[in-house]
Every structure is written in structure tokens, then in C-alpha cells.
Protein backbone atom coordinates (compact mmCIF):
# COMPACT_ATOMS: atom_id res chain seq x y z
CA MET A 1 31.30 35.12 14.10
CA LYS A 2 30.23 33.74 10.74
CA THR A 3 26.74 32.70 9.73
CA HIS A 4 26.37 28.94 9.43
CA GLN A 5 25.79 27.81 5.84
CA THR A 6 23.69 24.64 5.75
CA LYS A 7 25.10 21.92 3.49
CA LEU A 8 23.03 19.26 1.76
CA LYS A 9 24.78 16.43 3.61
CA GLU A 10 23.82 18.02 6.95
CA VAL A 11 20.09 17.79 6.23
CA GLN A 12 18.13 15.44 8.50
CA ARG A 13 14.87 14.31 6.87
CA GLN A 14 11.80 13.05 8.70
CA TRP A 15 8.55 11.47 7.52
CA HIS A 16 5.23 13.21 8.21
CA LEU A 17 1.71 11.78 7.80
CA ILE A 18 -1.29 13.98 7.02
CA ASP A 19 -4.78 12.48 7.03
CA ALA A 20 -6.90 14.49 4.56
CA GLN A 21 -10.20 12.94 5.62
CA ASP A 22 -12.78 15.75 6.05
CA LYS A 23 -10.05 18.43 5.86
CA ILE A 24 -10.10 21.50 3.63
CA LEU A 25 -7.98 21.12 0.47
CA GLY A 26 -6.11 24.41 0.86
CA LYS A 27 -5.16 23.80 4.48
CA VAL A 28 -3.84 20.32 3.73
CA ALA A 29 -1.87 21.63 0.72
CA THR A 30 -0.32 24.58 2.58
CA ARG A 31 0.79 22.37 5.48
CA ALA A 32 2.32 19.85 3.06
CA ALA A 33 4.12 22.58 1.08
CA PHE A 34 5.45 24.07 4.32
CA LEU A 35 6.90 20.70 5.38
CA LEU A 36 8.28 19.90 1.90
CA GLN A 37 10.18 23.19 1.77
CA GLY A 38 11.61 22.72 5.27
CA LYS A 39 10.36 26.07 6.54
CA HIS A 40 9.61 24.52 9.94
CA LYS A 41 13.33 23.90 10.53
CA ALA A 42 15.73 26.34 12.18
CA ASN A 43 18.31 25.85 9.40
CA PHE A 44 15.95 26.78 6.52
CA VAL A 45 17.60 28.31 3.48
CA PRO A 46 15.62 29.07 0.30
CA TYR A 47 18.27 27.75 -2.10
CA LEU A 48 18.53 24.22 -0.63
CA ASP A 49 16.14 21.27 -0.54
CA ASN A 50 16.13 20.62 3.19
CA GLY A 51 12.48 19.64 3.51
CA ASP A 52 10.96 16.44 4.84
CA TYR A 53 8.98 13.60 3.29
CA VAL A 54 5.19 14.01 3.42
CA VAL A 55 2.61 11.23 3.10
CA ILE A 56 -1.04 12.23 2.58
CA ILE A 57 -3.74 9.57 2.93
CA ASN A 58 -7.51 9.61 2.23
CA ALA A 59 -7.18 12.11 -0.61
CA VAL A 60 -10.57 11.09 -1.98
CA GLN A 61 -12.27 12.54 1.12
CA VAL A 62 -10.75 16.03 0.99
CA VAL A 63 -13.32 18.84 1.29
CA VAL A 64 -13.81 21.99 -0.80
CA SER A 65 -16.24 24.80 -0.08
CA GLY A 66 -18.98 26.35 -2.15
CA LYS A 67 -19.63 25.21 -5.71
CA LYS A 68 -16.01 24.27 -6.41
CA GLU A 69 -16.92 20.61 -6.82
CA GLN A 70 -18.54 21.46 -10.18
CA ALA A 71 -16.94 24.84 -11.00
CA LYS A 72 -13.22 24.23 -10.40
CA MET A 73 -11.55 23.01 -13.59
CA TYR A 74 -8.27 21.15 -14.15
CA TYR A 75 -6.66 21.44 -17.58
CA THR A 76 -4.17 19.23 -19.39
CA TYR A 77 -2.67 19.98 -22.79
CA SER A 78 -1.08 17.35 -25.03
CA GLY A 79 0.78 19.87 -27.20
CA TYR A 80 -1.23 19.03 -30.31
CA PRO A 81 -3.94 21.20 -31.91
CA SER A 82 -7.24 20.72 -30.06
CA GLY A 83 -5.35 18.73 -27.40
CA LEU A 84 -6.73 20.71 -24.46
CA LYS A 85 -8.71 18.55 -22.03
CA ALA A 86 -10.68 19.89 -19.10
CA LYS A 87 -12.10 18.05 -16.08
CA ASN A 88 -13.96 19.47 -13.14
CA LEU A 89 -13.11 18.58 -9.55
CA ALA A 90 -15.86 15.96 -9.25
CA ALA A 91 -14.65 14.07 -12.34
CA LEU A 92 -11.02 14.19 -11.24
CA ARG A 93 -12.00 13.03 -7.74
CA SER A 94 -13.69 9.93 -9.17
CA GLN A 95 -10.78 9.06 -11.53
CA GLU A 96 -7.53 10.26 -9.90
CA PRO A 97 -8.17 11.83 -6.47
CA GLN A 98 -4.47 12.09 -5.61
CA LYS A 99 -3.92 14.56 -8.47
CA ILE A 100 -6.17 17.10 -6.72
CA ILE A 101 -3.75 17.41 -3.81
CA ILE A 102 -0.62 17.10 -5.97
CA GLN A 103 -1.73 20.02 -8.17
CA ALA A 104 -2.58 22.16 -5.12
CA VAL A 105 0.81 21.51 -3.49
CA LYS A 106 2.68 21.96 -6.78
CA GLY A 107 1.25 25.46 -7.11
CA MET A 108 2.68 26.39 -3.69
CA LEU A 109 6.24 25.22 -4.36
CA PRO A 110 9.00 27.07 -6.27
CA LYS A 111 8.73 26.84 -10.06
CA SER A 112 12.24 25.49 -10.64
CA ARG A 113 14.41 22.38 -10.36
CA LEU A 114 14.31 22.84 -6.62
CA GLY A 115 10.50 22.76 -6.57
CA ARG A 116 10.43 19.60 -8.68
CA ALA A 117 12.89 17.94 -6.29
CA MET A 118 10.67 18.92 -3.35
CA LEU A 119 7.58 17.53 -5.06
CA LYS A 120 9.26 14.11 -5.40
CA LYS A 121 9.15 13.81 -1.62
CA LEU A 122 5.33 13.99 -1.61
CA TYR A 123 3.36 10.73 -1.51
CA VAL A 124 -0.43 10.95 -1.93
CA TYR A 125 -2.80 7.99 -1.59
CA ALA A 126 -6.52 7.97 -2.35
CA LYS A 127 -7.38 5.64 0.52
CA PHE A 128 -5.62 4.51 3.67
CA HIS A 129 -2.05 3.27 3.22
CA ASP A 130 -0.03 1.49 5.87
CA PHE A 131 3.63 2.45 6.27
CA LYS A 132 4.97 -0.32 8.49
CA ASN A 133 8.67 0.32 7.87
CA LYS A 134 8.62 4.07 8.52
CA THR A 135 8.23 6.06 11.72
CA LEU A 136 5.82 8.83 10.80
CA ASN A 137 5.07 12.06 12.65
CA ILE A 138 1.29 12.51 12.53
CA ILE A 139 0.38 16.10 11.59
CA GLU A 140 -2.95 17.68 12.52
CA THR A 141 -4.07 20.46 10.17
């Protein structure tokens, strides 16, 4: 008996909703990365993008422990001399709170074309967002 090789056209994708309100950043990010990679499915293969869509709402209210609000830094580099910019978590939360979760999930995905394709299935919103046309599975972290 041969082992079944999953094909891309056989992949069934679902939509999952994660509410990040008063949840720990790492736990929300690991659950989202797990769903994006498709590791919860019986037909998981590491070389294929068979993950699901993930929607994260209330990103502005995600919680971190300790002094990370002031000590954790996020860096961007423009490519030019002296083009390095640094923001702490509190500043990034006030300007672009969805980037906090996107960066955390991005670090947990493969660093390849496959990881970039998985990241495109992640939707993060700072506040509540209503998805009327989609049937979402609500995930508790």
C-alpha cells in the first residue's frame, strides 16, 4: 500500500477567528502559526501550503508580560546609511498594532516562499471587524 501524497488541489481551507483581547501575544501567535501551516490537519506535509485562513481581531489589546512594553524593540532598515529605525512595543502599539502580531507570527513560519504564501492568509485587525460573508470557526487560545 502506498502512502497518500497530498496535492494542492485536494486542500480544503477553512476560516478561523482568534480574538486577541486580553490574550498573551506568544500564545495568540503560536496558535495562528499552527493553523496557517495546517499542522492541525491529518494530511499535513511540510512542503505544501495546506493551511487555513486566520483572522485576528482586537490586536491593540494583546498582552505582554514584564517590562516588554518598553523594552521590546522592533527594527526596520531602509537600506540606506543611517536608515535603521527602532520603535518599542508601546510606540508600535499606538501607531500600527497589527504589526505586533504579524511580526510574531512571521517569526514562527518557514523562511521561504512557502512561509510568505502562508503569511498572506493571515488577516489582523486592530479593533473588531465583522466578517458577514464568511463562516468562521472561533478559536479559544
